[in-house]
Structure formats: C-alpha cells, structure tokens
Amino acid sequence: MQTQFLGQIVEEMKVSNEFLIPFVGLKLGKHQFDFQIDKKFFDRFEYDDFESCSIKTTVVLEKKATLLELHFKHKGTIKVPCDLTNEVFDLPIKGNINLIVQFGDAFNDENEEILILPHGEFQIDLAQYIYEMIVLSIPLKRVHPGVKDGTLQSEAIEKLQELTVKETKKEKKTEETDPRWDQLKKLLTDK
C-alpha cells in the first residue's frame, strides 16, 4: 500500500515537473515548448468531464530584459457524450491565451493576464494555465455532428421520431377567413 502511494506521488511529480520551465538559463528571445496533453494531465486536477483526450499544446515564451511574454495555443479532440443522444464522439477543440510575467516583491496571480513572480524566482509552472485554457475552450453544449447533419442513427433519436406528433388532416385544411377581411385585404393589393 505504501509503495502504491509513493508511486502515485512520483507520477504526480513527473507530470508537474514536465510543465516547469526554468527561464533563468534561457537567452533573450523566443523559445517554443510543445506538450502532448492526455487524460493523465486532467486526472491531476481531478477533472473528469470527458473520457479521453489528445491535445497538442504549444507555448511560446518570449524572454525580454524585464519580463516574460507567454503565448499558449492548443488544438485537439476530447471524447465526450452528446448532450442530446448520449452517444460518445470526438469533439474538436482549440484556443489560445496570452500571459505576461513580471517580477515584484511578492507572488500575485489575481489578474488573469498578468502574473507577478517574486524577484529571484527562476522557473514557472505552466500546468495550471494549460489546464484553464483547455477547460475554458470546451463548449457548454456538446452536440454530436451526426445530429446536426441528420446522419446519426441511435435509439434515442429513433424514440424521439416515434414520439413526434404527426400532422392530422384537420390541421392540413386551410383556415377559412371572414369574407369582410378578404374584401379589406383586396383594397390593399389593388393599389
């Protein structure tokens, strides 16, 4: 039991260290970091709104004399159930965010676009920013593409089609109008 717990801690440290970027040793200019995000990454945050994912994330860190500019971009798919039919499908997602890192007396991440790190800090953990960027790019309503174009065949859709109200002959019959209104409508069209 103890070795299982230690293995879990080592795995979390590995995931965490993968997203630590030591910026002190980097030269001024742009540096690109690529990450392949899978379900293990989201397990660390205890986020389980989808079954699996494959997301490529690119972070461009631009080191300047007094600050850092980070440009995050991601594109990939997540496997989610459709909100209408409960059929599982691959939902494409993409997005980006920008972050400016400045240095000050104390750590401050209250502003979503500016991070202040204490003087003397030598690395930045990108995991939280990658997590937030991806989660915020997932749409609230997830509809299978087969529902939109009418190609999806499922039990739920078949049942809905069975239960739809059919048009009756009485409804098809055109409504008879009052002849007085018909005469008034004629006056408008005679002009």
C-alpha atoms as a PDB file:
ATOM      1  CA  MET A   1       0.000   0.000   0.000  1.00  0.00           C
ATOM      2  CA  GLN A   2       2.838   2.351   0.870  1.00  0.00           C
ATOM      3  CA  THR A   3       4.638   1.653  -2.428  1.00  0.00           C
ATOM      4  CA  GLN A   4       1.418   2.394  -4.348  1.00  0.00           C
ATOM      5  CA  PHE A   5       1.150   5.768  -2.580  1.00  0.00           C
ATOM      6  CA  LEU A   6       4.825   6.557  -3.306  1.00  0.00           C
ATOM      7  CA  GLY A   7       4.316   5.574  -6.949  1.00  0.00           C
ATOM      8  CA  GLN A   8       1.393   7.987  -7.179  1.00  0.00           C
ATOM      9  CA  ILE A   9       3.493  10.824  -5.684  1.00  0.00           C
ATOM     10  CA  VAL A  10       6.345  10.110  -8.114  1.00  0.00           C
ATOM     11  CA  GLU A  11       3.871  10.113 -11.044  1.00  0.00           C
ATOM     12  CA  GLU A  12       2.407  13.464  -9.921  1.00  0.00           C
ATOM     13  CA  MET A  13       5.894  14.950  -9.556  1.00  0.00           C
ATOM     14  CA  LYS A  14       6.753  13.717 -13.059  1.00  0.00           C
ATOM     15  CA  VAL A  15       3.637  15.356 -14.530  1.00  0.00           C
ATOM     16  CA  SER A  16       4.305  18.514 -12.526  1.00  0.00           C
ATOM     17  CA  ASN A  17       8.000  18.724 -13.476  1.00  0.00           C
ATOM     18  CA  GLU A  18       7.183  18.313 -17.150  1.00  0.00           C
ATOM     19  CA  PHE A  19       5.468  21.719 -17.120  1.00  0.00           C
ATOM     20  CA  LEU A  20       8.127  23.557 -15.092  1.00  0.00           C
ATOM     21  CA  ILE A  21      10.065  25.906 -17.367  1.00  0.00           C
ATOM     22  CA  PRO A  22      13.371  27.220 -15.981  1.00  0.00           C
ATOM     23  CA  PHE A  23      13.585  30.611 -17.683  1.00  0.00           C
ATOM     24  CA  VAL A  24      16.771  31.868 -15.983  1.00  0.00           C
ATOM     25  CA  GLY A  25      19.108  29.934 -18.293  1.00  0.00           C
ATOM     26  CA  LEU A  26      17.284  30.984 -21.463  1.00  0.00           C
ATOM     27  CA  LYS A  27      18.678  33.637 -23.805  1.00  0.00           C
ATOM     28  CA  LEU A  28      16.639  36.733 -24.664  1.00  0.00           C
ATOM     29  CA  GLY A  29      14.200  35.995 -27.480  1.00  0.00           C
ATOM     30  CA  LYS A  30      11.551  33.398 -28.325  1.00  0.00           C
ATOM     31  CA  HIS A  31      11.585  29.799 -27.128  1.00  0.00           C
ATOM     32  CA  GLN A  32       8.965  27.184 -28.056  1.00  0.00           C
ATOM     33  CA  PHE A  33       7.772  24.329 -25.838  1.00  0.00           C
ATOM     34  CA  ASP A  34       5.436  21.590 -27.115  1.00  0.00           C
ATOM     35  CA  PHE A  35       3.313  19.344 -24.910  1.00  0.00           C
ATOM     36  CA  GLN A  36       1.022  16.420 -25.713  1.00  0.00           C
ATOM     37  CA  ILE A  37      -1.868  16.502 -23.225  1.00  0.00           C
ATOM     38  CA  ASP A  38      -3.792  13.337 -22.334  1.00  0.00           C
ATOM     39  CA  LYS A  39      -6.256  12.206 -19.655  1.00  0.00           C
ATOM     40  CA  LYS A  40      -3.493  11.757 -17.008  1.00  0.00           C
ATOM     41  CA  PHE A  41      -2.908  15.502 -17.065  1.00  0.00           C
ATOM     42  CA  PHE A  42      -6.557  16.191 -16.164  1.00  0.00           C
ATOM     43  CA  ASP A  43      -6.595  13.449 -13.510  1.00  0.00           C
ATOM     44  CA  ARG A  44      -4.033  15.545 -11.617  1.00  0.00           C
ATOM     45  CA  PHE A  45      -6.648  18.325 -11.414  1.00  0.00           C
ATOM     46  CA  GLU A  46      -9.440  15.824 -10.614  1.00  0.00           C
ATOM     47  CA  TYR A  47     -11.281  16.902 -13.775  1.00  0.00           C
ATOM     48  CA  ASP A  48     -13.306  14.103 -15.345  1.00  0.00           C
ATOM     49  CA  ASP A  49     -15.809  15.706 -17.724  1.00  0.00           C
ATOM     50  CA  PHE A  50     -14.566  13.617 -20.644  1.00  0.00           C
ATOM     51  CA  GLU A  51     -13.380  10.062 -21.206  1.00  0.00           C
ATOM     52  CA  SER A  52     -10.128  10.722 -23.064  1.00  0.00           C
ATOM     53  CA  CYS A  53      -8.322  13.428 -24.983  1.00  0.00           C
ATOM     54  CA  SER A  54      -5.489  14.109 -27.368  1.00  0.00           C
ATOM     55  CA  ILE A  55      -4.456  17.749 -27.337  1.00  0.00           C
ATOM     56  CA  LYS A  56      -1.297  19.318 -28.720  1.00  0.00           C
ATOM     57  CA  THR A  57      -0.279  22.408 -26.786  1.00  0.00           C
ATOM     58  CA  THR A  58       2.370  24.882 -27.872  1.00  0.00           C
ATOM     59  CA  VAL A  59       3.810  27.552 -25.584  1.00  0.00           C
ATOM     60  CA  VAL A  60       5.997  30.302 -26.997  1.00  0.00           C
ATOM     61  CA  LEU A  61       7.968  32.036 -24.257  1.00  0.00           C
ATOM     62  CA  GLU A  62       9.467  35.365 -25.270  1.00  0.00           C
ATOM     63  CA  LYS A  63      12.123  36.408 -22.781  1.00  0.00           C
ATOM     64  CA  LYS A  64      12.721  40.133 -22.552  1.00  0.00           C
ATOM     65  CA  ALA A  65      15.045  42.098 -20.257  1.00  0.00           C
ATOM     66  CA  THR A  66      12.445  42.807 -17.549  1.00  0.00           C
ATOM     67  CA  LEU A  67       9.532  40.467 -18.270  1.00  0.00           C
ATOM     68  CA  LEU A  68       8.347  37.300 -19.994  1.00  0.00           C
ATOM     69  CA  GLU A  69       5.561  37.003 -22.541  1.00  0.00           C
ATOM     70  CA  LEU A  70       3.885  33.620 -22.868  1.00  0.00           C
ATOM     71  CA  HIS A  71       1.613  32.676 -25.775  1.00  0.00           C
ATOM     72  CA  PHE A  72      -0.318  29.431 -25.233  1.00  0.00           C
ATOM     73  CA  LYS A  73      -2.098  27.641 -28.094  1.00  0.00           C
ATOM     74  CA  HIS A  74      -3.838  24.272 -28.232  1.00  0.00           C
ATOM     75  CA  LYS A  75      -5.685  22.089 -30.715  1.00  0.00           C
ATOM     76  CA  GLY A  76      -7.025  18.571 -30.401  1.00  0.00           C
ATOM     77  CA  THR A  77     -10.010  16.399 -29.585  1.00  0.00           C
ATOM     78  CA  ILE A  78     -11.800  15.222 -26.464  1.00  0.00           C
ATOM     79  CA  LYS A  79     -14.088  12.200 -26.237  1.00  0.00           C
ATOM     80  CA  VAL A  80     -17.402  13.326 -24.716  1.00  0.00           C
ATOM     81  CA  PRO A  81     -21.024  12.144 -24.657  1.00  0.00           C
ATOM     82  CA  CYS A  82     -23.515  14.102 -26.755  1.00  0.00           C
ATOM     83  CA  ASP A  83     -25.881  16.194 -24.620  1.00  0.00           C
ATOM     84  CA  LEU A  84     -28.850  15.165 -26.802  1.00  0.00           C
ATOM     85  CA  THR A  85     -28.277  11.478 -27.544  1.00  0.00           C
ATOM     86  CA  ASN A  86     -25.606  10.439 -25.030  1.00  0.00           C
ATOM     87  CA  GLU A  87     -23.566   8.970 -27.937  1.00  0.00           C
ATOM     88  CA  VAL A  88     -19.806   9.325 -27.332  1.00  0.00           C
ATOM     89  CA  PHE A  89     -17.886  11.264 -30.008  1.00  0.00           C
ATOM     90  CA  ASP A  90     -14.629  13.150 -30.595  1.00  0.00           C
ATOM     91  CA  LEU A  91     -15.209  16.871 -30.122  1.00  0.00           C
ATOM     92  CA  PRO A  92     -12.573  19.123 -31.748  1.00  0.00           C
ATOM     93  CA  ILE A  93     -11.365  21.974 -29.546  1.00  0.00           C
ATOM     94  CA  LYS A  94      -8.851  24.775 -29.945  1.00  0.00           C
ATOM     95  CA  GLY A  95      -7.936  28.006 -28.220  1.00  0.00           C
ATOM     96  CA  ASN A  96      -5.216  30.328 -27.031  1.00  0.00           C
ATOM     97  CA  ILE A  97      -4.309  32.659 -24.190  1.00  0.00           C
ATOM     98  CA  ASN A  98      -1.552  35.167 -23.509  1.00  0.00           C
ATOM     99  CA  LEU A  99       0.219  35.744 -20.208  1.00  0.00           C
ATOM    100  CA  ILE A 100       2.692  38.411 -19.169  1.00  0.00           C
ATOM    101  CA  VAL A 101       5.070  37.542 -16.329  1.00  0.00           C
ATOM    102  CA  GLN A 102       6.540  40.427 -14.375  1.00  0.00           C
ATOM    103  CA  PHE A 103       8.740  40.414 -11.292  1.00  0.00           C
ATOM    104  CA  GLY A 104       7.893  42.067  -7.986  1.00  0.00           C
ATOM    105  CA  ASP A 105       8.132  41.769  -4.217  1.00  0.00           C
ATOM    106  CA  ALA A 106       5.531  39.013  -3.819  1.00  0.00           C
ATOM    107  CA  PHE A 107       3.706  36.362  -5.859  1.00  0.00           C
ATOM    108  CA  ASN A 108       0.434  37.666  -7.345  1.00  0.00           C
ATOM    109  CA  ASP A 109      -1.834  35.879  -9.810  1.00  0.00           C
ATOM    110  CA  GLU A 110      -5.047  37.870  -9.233  1.00  0.00           C
ATOM    111  CA  ASN A 111      -5.071  39.247 -12.797  1.00  0.00           C
ATOM    112  CA  GLU A 112      -5.732  36.532 -15.394  1.00  0.00           C
ATOM    113  CA  GLU A 113      -3.391  38.111 -17.959  1.00  0.00           C
ATOM    114  CA  ILE A 114      -0.530  39.195 -15.671  1.00  0.00           C
ATOM    115  CA  LEU A 115       1.450  37.011 -13.277  1.00  0.00           C
ATOM    116  CA  ILE A 116       3.843  38.599 -10.810  1.00  0.00           C
ATOM    117  CA  LEU A 117       6.657  36.359  -9.591  1.00  0.00           C
ATOM    118  CA  PRO A 118       8.943  37.288  -6.681  1.00  0.00           C
ATOM    119  CA  HIS A 119      12.440  38.533  -7.560  1.00  0.00           C
ATOM    120  CA  GLY A 120      14.844  35.606  -7.577  1.00  0.00           C
ATOM    121  CA  GLU A 121      12.318  33.123  -8.985  1.00  0.00           C
ATOM    122  CA  PHE A 122      13.928  31.030 -11.715  1.00  0.00           C
ATOM    123  CA  GLN A 123      11.101  28.867 -13.122  1.00  0.00           C
ATOM    124  CA  ILE A 124       7.407  28.944 -13.945  1.00  0.00           C
ATOM    125  CA  ASP A 125       4.838  26.134 -13.747  1.00  0.00           C
ATOM    126  CA  LEU A 126       2.668  26.179 -16.875  1.00  0.00           C
ATOM    127  CA  ALA A 127       0.318  23.328 -15.863  1.00  0.00           C
ATOM    128  CA  GLN A 128      -2.418  25.499 -14.325  1.00  0.00           C
ATOM    129  CA  TYR A 129      -2.515  27.841 -17.338  1.00  0.00           C
ATOM    130  CA  ILE A 130      -2.656  24.952 -19.819  1.00  0.00           C
ATOM    131  CA  TYR A 131      -5.442  23.338 -17.778  1.00  0.00           C
ATOM    132  CA  GLU A 132      -7.522  26.539 -17.642  1.00  0.00           C
ATOM    133  CA  MET A 133      -7.017  27.300 -21.338  1.00  0.00           C
ATOM    134  CA  ILE A 134      -8.219  23.845 -22.399  1.00  0.00           C
ATOM    135  CA  VAL A 135     -11.149  23.626 -19.971  1.00  0.00           C
ATOM    136  CA  LEU A 136     -12.394  27.077 -20.978  1.00  0.00           C
ATOM    137  CA  SER A 137     -12.325  26.102 -24.664  1.00  0.00           C
ATOM    138  CA  ILE A 138     -14.725  23.178 -24.159  1.00  0.00           C
ATOM    139  CA  PRO A 139     -18.242  24.235 -25.218  1.00  0.00           C
ATOM    140  CA  LEU A 140     -21.047  24.035 -22.669  1.00  0.00           C
ATOM    141  CA  LYS A 141     -23.386  22.290 -25.126  1.00  0.00           C
ATOM    142  CA  ARG A 142     -21.856  19.260 -26.821  1.00  0.00           C
ATOM    143  CA  VAL A 143     -23.825  18.028 -29.836  1.00  0.00           C
ATOM    144  CA  HIS A 144     -22.749  15.072 -31.979  1.00  0.00           C
ATOM    145  CA  PRO A 145     -22.051  16.195 -35.581  1.00  0.00           C
ATOM    146  CA  GLY A 146     -24.350  13.393 -36.785  1.00  0.00           C
ATOM    147  CA  VAL A 147     -27.276  15.069 -35.009  1.00  0.00           C
ATOM    148  CA  LYS A 148     -26.641  18.336 -36.833  1.00  0.00           C
ATOM    149  CA  ASP A 149     -26.475  16.793 -40.306  1.00  0.00           C
ATOM    150  CA  GLY A 150     -29.046  14.036 -39.659  1.00  0.00           C
ATOM    151  CA  THR A 151     -26.732  11.064 -40.230  1.00  0.00           C
ATOM    152  CA  LEU A 152     -26.593   9.743 -36.652  1.00  0.00           C
ATOM    153  CA  GLN A 153     -28.623   6.604 -36.003  1.00  0.00           C
ATOM    154  CA  SER A 154     -29.281   5.910 -32.322  1.00  0.00           C
ATOM    155  CA  GLU A 155     -32.006   4.549 -30.082  1.00  0.00           C
ATOM    156  CA  ALA A 156     -32.650   7.989 -28.594  1.00  0.00           C
ATOM    157  CA  ILE A 157     -33.240   9.618 -31.982  1.00  0.00           C
ATOM    158  CA  GLU A 158     -35.467   6.747 -33.151  1.00  0.00           C
ATOM    159  CA  LYS A 159     -37.567   7.030 -29.982  1.00  0.00           C
ATOM    160  CA  LEU A 160     -37.892  10.812 -30.441  1.00  0.00           C
ATOM    161  CA  GLN A 161     -39.066  10.296 -34.028  1.00  0.00           C
ATOM    162  CA  GLU A 162     -41.660   7.776 -32.840  1.00  0.00           C
ATOM    163  CA  LEU A 163     -42.988  10.209 -30.271  1.00  0.00           C
ATOM    164  CA  THR A 164     -43.261  13.249 -32.553  1.00  0.00           C
ATOM    165  CA  VAL A 165     -46.798  14.415 -33.159  1.00  0.00           C
ATOM    166  CA  LYS A 166     -47.996  13.660 -36.666  1.00  0.00           C
ATOM    167  CA  GLU A 167     -49.926  16.297 -38.596  1.00  0.00           C
ATOM    168  CA  THR A 168     -53.617  15.429 -38.942  1.00  0.00           C
ATOM    169  CA  LYS A 169     -55.930  16.055 -41.894  1.00  0.00           C
ATOM    170  CA  LYS A 170     -57.820  18.703 -39.942  1.00  0.00           C
ATOM    171  CA  GLU A 171     -54.625  20.698 -39.389  1.00  0.00           C
ATOM    172  CA  LYS A 172     -53.758  20.486 -43.083  1.00  0.00           C
ATOM    173  CA  LYS A 173     -57.074  22.061 -44.078  1.00  0.00           C
ATOM    174  CA  THR A 174     -56.601  25.765 -44.640  1.00  0.00           C
ATOM    175  CA  GLU A 175     -58.402  28.071 -42.324  1.00  0.00           C
ATOM    176  CA  GLU A 176     -61.437  29.807 -43.696  1.00  0.00           C
ATOM    177  CA  THR A 177     -61.292  33.538 -43.267  1.00  0.00           C
ATOM    178  CA  ASP A 178     -64.037  36.090 -42.759  1.00  0.00           C
ATOM    179  CA  PRO A 179     -65.133  37.459 -46.176  1.00  0.00           C
ATOM    180  CA  ARG A 180     -65.162  41.017 -44.789  1.00  0.00           C
ATOM    181  CA  TRP A 181     -61.420  40.781 -44.091  1.00  0.00           C
ATOM    182  CA  ASP A 182     -60.837  39.379 -47.555  1.00  0.00           C
ATOM    183  CA  GLN A 183     -62.513  42.474 -49.068  1.00  0.00           C
ATOM    184  CA  LEU A 184     -60.268  44.761 -46.947  1.00  0.00           C
ATOM    185  CA  LYS A 185     -57.145  42.867 -47.987  1.00  0.00           C
ATOM    186  CA  LYS A 186     -58.191  43.320 -51.628  1.00  0.00           C
ATOM    187  CA  LEU A 187     -58.195  47.090 -51.170  1.00  0.00           C
ATOM    188  CA  LEU A 188     -54.539  46.953 -50.073  1.00  0.00           C
ATOM    189  CA  THR A 189     -53.459  44.910 -53.089  1.00  0.00           C
ATOM    190  CA  ASP A 190     -55.468  46.887 -55.674  1.00  0.00           C
ATOM    191  CA  LYS A 191     -53.155  49.893 -55.472  1.00  0.00           C
END
